[in-house]
N, C-alpha and C. Protein backbone atom coordinates (compact mmCIF):
# COMPACT_ATOMS: atom_id res chain seq x y z
N MET A 1 60.50 -10.18 -144.90
CA MET A 1 60.67 -9.96 -143.49
C MET A 1 61.79 -8.95 -143.23
N LEU A 2 62.90 -9.10 -143.94
CA LEU A 2 64.02 -8.18 -143.76
C LEU A 2 63.62 -6.75 -144.16
N PHE A 3 62.87 -6.62 -145.25
CA PHE A 3 62.41 -5.29 -145.66
C PHE A 3 61.55 -4.65 -144.59
N SER A 4 60.67 -5.43 -143.97
CA SER A 4 59.80 -4.89 -142.93
C SER A 4 60.60 -4.42 -141.72
N ILE A 5 61.63 -5.15 -141.36
CA ILE A 5 62.48 -4.75 -140.23
C ILE A 5 63.19 -3.45 -140.55
N VAL A 6 63.75 -3.35 -141.75
CA VAL A 6 64.45 -2.12 -142.15
C VAL A 6 63.46 -0.96 -142.23
N LEU A 7 62.25 -1.22 -142.71
CA LEU A 7 61.23 -0.17 -142.77
C LEU A 7 60.87 0.33 -141.37
N LEU A 8 60.75 -0.57 -140.41
CA LEU A 8 60.49 -0.16 -139.03
C LEU A 8 61.64 0.67 -138.46
N LEU A 9 62.86 0.27 -138.75
CA LEU A 9 64.02 1.05 -138.31
C LEU A 9 64.00 2.45 -138.95
N HIS A 10 63.69 2.50 -140.23
CA HIS A 10 63.61 3.77 -140.96
C HIS A 10 62.54 4.68 -140.33
N PHE A 11 61.39 4.11 -140.04
CA PHE A 11 60.30 4.85 -139.43
C PHE A 11 60.70 5.34 -138.03
N GLY A 12 61.37 4.49 -137.26
CA GLY A 12 61.83 4.89 -135.93
C GLY A 12 62.83 6.02 -135.99
N CYS A 13 63.74 5.96 -136.94
CA CYS A 13 64.72 7.05 -137.11
C CYS A 13 64.02 8.35 -137.50
N PHE A 14 63.02 8.24 -138.36
CA PHE A 14 62.27 9.42 -138.76
C PHE A 14 61.56 10.04 -137.55
N LEU A 15 60.90 9.21 -136.75
CA LEU A 15 60.22 9.72 -135.56
C LEU A 15 61.22 10.35 -134.59
N GLY A 16 62.38 9.73 -134.46
CA GLY A 16 63.42 10.29 -133.60
C GLY A 16 63.89 11.65 -134.09
N TYR A 17 64.09 11.78 -135.40
CA TYR A 17 64.53 13.06 -135.96
C TYR A 17 63.46 14.13 -135.76
N LEU A 18 62.21 13.76 -135.97
CA LEU A 18 61.12 14.70 -135.75
C LEU A 18 61.04 15.09 -134.28
N ALA A 19 61.26 14.14 -133.38
CA ALA A 19 61.27 14.44 -131.94
C ALA A 19 62.39 15.41 -131.58
N VAL A 20 63.56 15.24 -132.19
CA VAL A 20 64.67 16.16 -131.95
C VAL A 20 64.27 17.57 -132.38
N LEU A 21 63.63 17.69 -133.54
CA LEU A 21 63.20 19.01 -134.01
C LEU A 21 62.14 19.61 -133.08
N VAL A 22 61.20 18.79 -132.64
CA VAL A 22 60.13 19.30 -131.77
C VAL A 22 60.69 19.74 -130.42
N THR A 23 61.65 19.00 -129.87
CA THR A 23 62.22 19.40 -128.58
C THR A 23 63.04 20.68 -128.69
N GLN A 24 63.49 21.03 -129.87
CA GLN A 24 64.24 22.27 -130.06
C GLN A 24 63.32 23.47 -130.30
N ARG A 25 62.02 23.25 -130.34
CA ARG A 25 61.09 24.30 -130.74
C ARG A 25 61.23 25.57 -129.92
N SER A 26 61.33 25.46 -128.61
CA SER A 26 61.35 26.65 -127.77
C SER A 26 62.69 27.37 -127.77
N ASP A 27 63.76 26.67 -128.09
CA ASP A 27 65.07 27.32 -128.04
C ASP A 27 65.94 27.05 -129.26
N TYR A 28 65.31 26.90 -130.42
CA TYR A 28 66.08 26.63 -131.65
C TYR A 28 67.02 27.77 -131.99
N HIS A 29 66.69 29.00 -131.59
CA HIS A 29 67.47 30.17 -131.97
C HIS A 29 68.59 30.50 -130.99
N THR A 30 68.64 29.82 -129.85
CA THR A 30 69.68 30.11 -128.87
C THR A 30 70.55 28.91 -128.56
N LYS A 31 70.06 27.73 -128.78
CA LYS A 31 70.76 26.52 -128.38
C LYS A 31 71.62 25.97 -129.51
N THR A 32 72.86 25.65 -129.17
CA THR A 32 73.66 24.91 -130.13
C THR A 32 73.23 23.46 -130.06
N ARG A 33 73.29 22.79 -131.17
CA ARG A 33 72.71 21.46 -131.28
C ARG A 33 73.70 20.37 -130.90
N ASP A 34 73.15 19.27 -130.43
CA ASP A 34 73.97 18.08 -130.23
C ASP A 34 73.94 17.27 -131.53
N HIS A 35 74.49 16.09 -131.50
CA HIS A 35 74.62 15.33 -132.74
C HIS A 35 73.58 14.23 -132.90
N LYS A 36 72.51 14.25 -132.09
CA LYS A 36 71.46 13.25 -132.25
C LYS A 36 70.81 13.34 -133.62
N GLY A 37 70.52 14.56 -134.07
CA GLY A 37 69.91 14.73 -135.39
C GLY A 37 70.79 14.23 -136.51
N LEU A 38 72.09 14.47 -136.39
CA LEU A 38 73.04 14.00 -137.40
C LEU A 38 73.05 12.47 -137.46
N LEU A 39 73.12 11.84 -136.30
CA LEU A 39 73.14 10.37 -136.27
C LEU A 39 71.85 9.79 -136.80
N LEU A 40 70.72 10.39 -136.46
CA LEU A 40 69.44 9.90 -136.97
C LEU A 40 69.33 10.14 -138.48
N GLY A 41 69.85 11.25 -138.96
CA GLY A 41 69.86 11.52 -140.39
C GLY A 41 70.69 10.51 -141.17
N ILE A 42 71.84 10.17 -140.62
CA ILE A 42 72.69 9.15 -141.26
C ILE A 42 71.97 7.80 -141.27
N ALA A 43 71.32 7.48 -140.14
CA ALA A 43 70.58 6.21 -140.08
C ALA A 43 69.42 6.20 -141.07
N LEU A 44 68.76 7.35 -141.23
CA LEU A 44 67.68 7.46 -142.23
C LEU A 44 68.22 7.20 -143.63
N LEU A 45 69.34 7.79 -143.94
CA LEU A 45 69.95 7.61 -145.26
C LEU A 45 70.33 6.15 -145.50
N VAL A 46 70.96 5.54 -144.52
CA VAL A 46 71.42 4.15 -144.68
C VAL A 46 70.22 3.21 -144.81
N THR A 47 69.21 3.36 -143.95
CA THR A 47 68.05 2.48 -144.05
C THR A 47 67.29 2.71 -145.35
N GLY A 48 67.25 3.95 -145.82
CA GLY A 48 66.61 4.23 -147.10
C GLY A 48 67.32 3.55 -148.25
N ILE A 49 68.65 3.61 -148.23
CA ILE A 49 69.44 2.94 -149.28
C ILE A 49 69.22 1.44 -149.23
N ILE A 50 69.18 0.87 -148.03
CA ILE A 50 68.96 -0.57 -147.90
C ILE A 50 67.58 -0.95 -148.44
N MET A 51 66.57 -0.14 -148.15
CA MET A 51 65.23 -0.45 -148.65
C MET A 51 65.18 -0.40 -150.17
N VAL A 52 65.83 0.59 -150.76
CA VAL A 52 65.86 0.67 -152.22
C VAL A 52 66.60 -0.54 -152.79
N ALA A 53 67.69 -0.93 -152.17
CA ALA A 53 68.44 -2.10 -152.65
C ALA A 53 67.61 -3.38 -152.55
N LEU A 54 66.83 -3.49 -151.48
CA LEU A 54 66.00 -4.69 -151.31
C LEU A 54 64.85 -4.73 -152.31
N LYS A 55 64.34 -3.57 -152.72
CA LYS A 55 63.20 -3.51 -153.65
C LYS A 55 63.63 -3.49 -155.11
N TYR A 56 64.91 -3.26 -155.39
CA TYR A 56 65.36 -3.12 -156.78
C TYR A 56 65.03 -4.37 -157.56
N PRO A 57 64.55 -4.31 -158.76
CA PRO A 57 64.31 -3.18 -159.67
C PRO A 57 62.91 -2.58 -159.55
N HIS A 58 62.13 -3.02 -158.59
CA HIS A 58 60.75 -2.52 -158.44
C HIS A 58 60.70 -1.37 -157.44
N VAL A 59 61.48 -0.33 -157.71
CA VAL A 59 61.59 0.82 -156.82
C VAL A 59 60.54 1.85 -157.21
N ASN A 60 59.90 2.45 -156.22
CA ASN A 60 58.94 3.53 -156.46
C ASN A 60 59.71 4.84 -156.63
N TYR A 61 60.19 5.08 -157.84
CA TYR A 61 61.01 6.27 -158.08
C TYR A 61 60.25 7.56 -157.85
N TYR A 62 58.92 7.53 -158.01
CA TYR A 62 58.13 8.74 -157.76
C TYR A 62 58.15 9.11 -156.29
N LYS A 63 58.56 8.20 -155.41
CA LYS A 63 58.74 8.50 -153.99
C LYS A 63 60.21 8.72 -153.66
N VAL A 64 61.07 7.90 -154.21
CA VAL A 64 62.49 7.93 -153.85
C VAL A 64 63.15 9.22 -154.30
N VAL A 65 62.88 9.66 -155.51
CA VAL A 65 63.56 10.85 -156.04
C VAL A 65 63.19 12.12 -155.26
N PRO A 66 61.89 12.41 -155.01
CA PRO A 66 61.59 13.61 -154.22
C PRO A 66 62.11 13.53 -152.78
N LYS A 67 62.02 12.35 -152.16
CA LYS A 67 62.52 12.22 -150.80
C LYS A 67 64.03 12.41 -150.74
N THR A 68 64.74 11.96 -151.76
CA THR A 68 66.18 12.17 -151.82
C THR A 68 66.51 13.65 -151.96
N GLY A 69 65.73 14.35 -152.79
CA GLY A 69 65.91 15.80 -152.92
C GLY A 69 65.66 16.53 -151.62
N ILE A 70 64.61 16.11 -150.91
CA ILE A 70 64.30 16.72 -149.62
C ILE A 70 65.42 16.43 -148.63
N PHE A 71 65.92 15.21 -148.63
CA PHE A 71 67.03 14.86 -147.75
C PHE A 71 68.25 15.73 -148.05
N LEU A 72 68.51 15.98 -149.32
CA LEU A 72 69.63 16.84 -149.71
C LEU A 72 69.43 18.27 -149.17
N LEU A 73 68.21 18.80 -149.28
CA LEU A 73 67.94 20.14 -148.75
C LEU A 73 68.12 20.19 -147.24
N ILE A 74 67.63 19.18 -146.54
CA ILE A 74 67.79 19.12 -145.08
C ILE A 74 69.28 19.06 -144.72
N THR A 75 70.04 18.29 -145.47
CA THR A 75 71.47 18.19 -145.24
C THR A 75 72.16 19.54 -145.45
N LEU A 76 71.80 20.23 -146.52
CA LEU A 76 72.41 21.55 -146.79
C LEU A 76 72.08 22.56 -145.70
N ILE A 77 70.85 22.54 -145.20
CA ILE A 77 70.48 23.45 -144.10
C ILE A 77 71.30 23.12 -142.86
N ASN A 78 71.43 21.84 -142.55
CA ASN A 78 72.21 21.45 -141.37
C ASN A 78 73.69 21.79 -141.53
N ILE A 79 74.21 21.67 -142.74
CA ILE A 79 75.61 22.06 -142.98
C ILE A 79 75.78 23.57 -142.79
N ARG A 80 74.84 24.32 -143.29
CA ARG A 80 74.90 25.79 -143.18
C ARG A 80 74.92 26.26 -141.73
N PHE A 81 74.20 25.55 -140.86
CA PHE A 81 74.11 25.93 -139.45
C PHE A 81 74.84 24.91 -138.57
N THR A 82 76.02 24.50 -138.97
CA THR A 82 76.74 23.44 -138.28
C THR A 82 76.98 23.76 -136.81
N ASN A 83 77.64 24.84 -136.51
CA ASN A 83 77.99 25.16 -135.12
C ASN A 83 77.32 26.43 -134.63
N LYS A 84 76.16 26.72 -135.18
CA LYS A 84 75.42 27.89 -134.71
C LYS A 84 73.94 27.56 -134.67
N PRO A 85 73.20 28.33 -133.89
CA PRO A 85 71.76 28.07 -133.77
C PRO A 85 71.03 28.34 -135.09
N PHE A 86 69.89 27.66 -135.25
CA PHE A 86 69.07 27.87 -136.44
C PHE A 86 68.41 29.24 -136.41
N THR A 87 68.18 29.78 -137.60
CA THR A 87 67.31 30.95 -137.70
C THR A 87 65.88 30.42 -137.72
N LYS A 88 64.92 31.35 -137.59
CA LYS A 88 63.51 30.94 -137.60
C LYS A 88 63.16 30.28 -138.93
N GLY A 89 63.60 30.86 -140.02
CA GLY A 89 63.32 30.31 -141.34
C GLY A 89 63.93 28.93 -141.54
N ALA A 90 65.17 28.75 -141.08
CA ALA A 90 65.83 27.45 -141.22
C ALA A 90 65.12 26.39 -140.40
N TYR A 91 64.74 26.74 -139.17
CA TYR A 91 64.07 25.76 -138.31
C TYR A 91 62.74 25.33 -138.93
N TYR A 92 61.94 26.29 -139.35
CA TYR A 92 60.64 25.94 -139.92
C TYR A 92 60.77 25.27 -141.29
N ALA A 93 61.84 25.57 -142.02
CA ALA A 93 62.09 24.86 -143.27
C ALA A 93 62.41 23.39 -142.98
N LEU A 94 63.21 23.13 -141.94
CA LEU A 94 63.52 21.75 -141.57
C LEU A 94 62.26 20.99 -141.17
N VAL A 95 61.42 21.61 -140.37
CA VAL A 95 60.17 20.96 -139.94
C VAL A 95 59.28 20.70 -141.16
N GLY A 96 59.13 21.70 -142.02
CA GLY A 96 58.29 21.55 -143.20
C GLY A 96 58.80 20.49 -144.16
N LEU A 97 60.10 20.49 -144.40
CA LEU A 97 60.69 19.49 -145.29
C LEU A 97 60.56 18.08 -144.70
N THR A 98 60.73 17.97 -143.39
CA THR A 98 60.59 16.66 -142.74
C THR A 98 59.17 16.15 -142.87
N LEU A 99 58.20 17.02 -142.65
CA LEU A 99 56.80 16.61 -142.79
C LEU A 99 56.44 16.33 -144.25
N ALA A 100 57.05 17.06 -145.18
CA ALA A 100 56.82 16.78 -146.60
C ALA A 100 57.35 15.39 -146.98
N ALA A 101 58.52 15.04 -146.45
CA ALA A 101 59.07 13.70 -146.71
C ALA A 101 58.15 12.63 -146.14
N ALA A 102 57.58 12.89 -144.97
CA ALA A 102 56.63 11.93 -144.37
C ALA A 102 55.39 11.81 -145.24
N GLY A 103 54.91 12.93 -145.75
CA GLY A 103 53.74 12.90 -146.62
C GLY A 103 53.98 12.10 -147.89
N ILE A 104 55.15 12.26 -148.47
CA ILE A 104 55.49 11.50 -149.67
C ILE A 104 55.55 10.01 -149.35
N ALA A 105 56.09 9.69 -148.18
CA ALA A 105 56.25 8.28 -147.81
C ALA A 105 54.91 7.56 -147.65
N VAL A 106 53.90 8.24 -147.14
CA VAL A 106 52.64 7.56 -146.89
C VAL A 106 51.64 7.72 -148.03
N TRP A 107 51.89 8.60 -148.97
CA TRP A 107 50.99 8.80 -150.09
C TRP A 107 51.14 7.64 -151.09
N HIS A 108 50.04 7.10 -151.51
CA HIS A 108 50.09 5.94 -152.43
C HIS A 108 50.13 6.43 -153.85
C-alpha cells in the first residue's frame, strides 16, 4: 500500500513537471523560470529513491539506471540555464528526455 501511494506521488510529480514544460512552450526562450520545476524535480528524485528502497533487493535496475542517467542529464541542463531562458535545443532536449523517462517507466 505504501509503495502504491509513493508511486502515485511520483506519477503526479512527473505530470506536474511535464505540465511546467508544456506551459513554457510558447515563451521558453524569453521567460526566466520560476522554481516549480526544481521543486517537482526534487520530489521526483525523493519519491524515486523511496520506491527503490521499498522494492530493494528486487529492484528493476534495467529501469532505474537509465532513468537515473536521464535525471542527471535533465539536472545538468537545468543547472546550465539556471538564471537564463532556455535555448531551443535545451528546451526540446528537456521535453525529449522527460518523455524518454516516461517511456522507460511504462515499458515492461
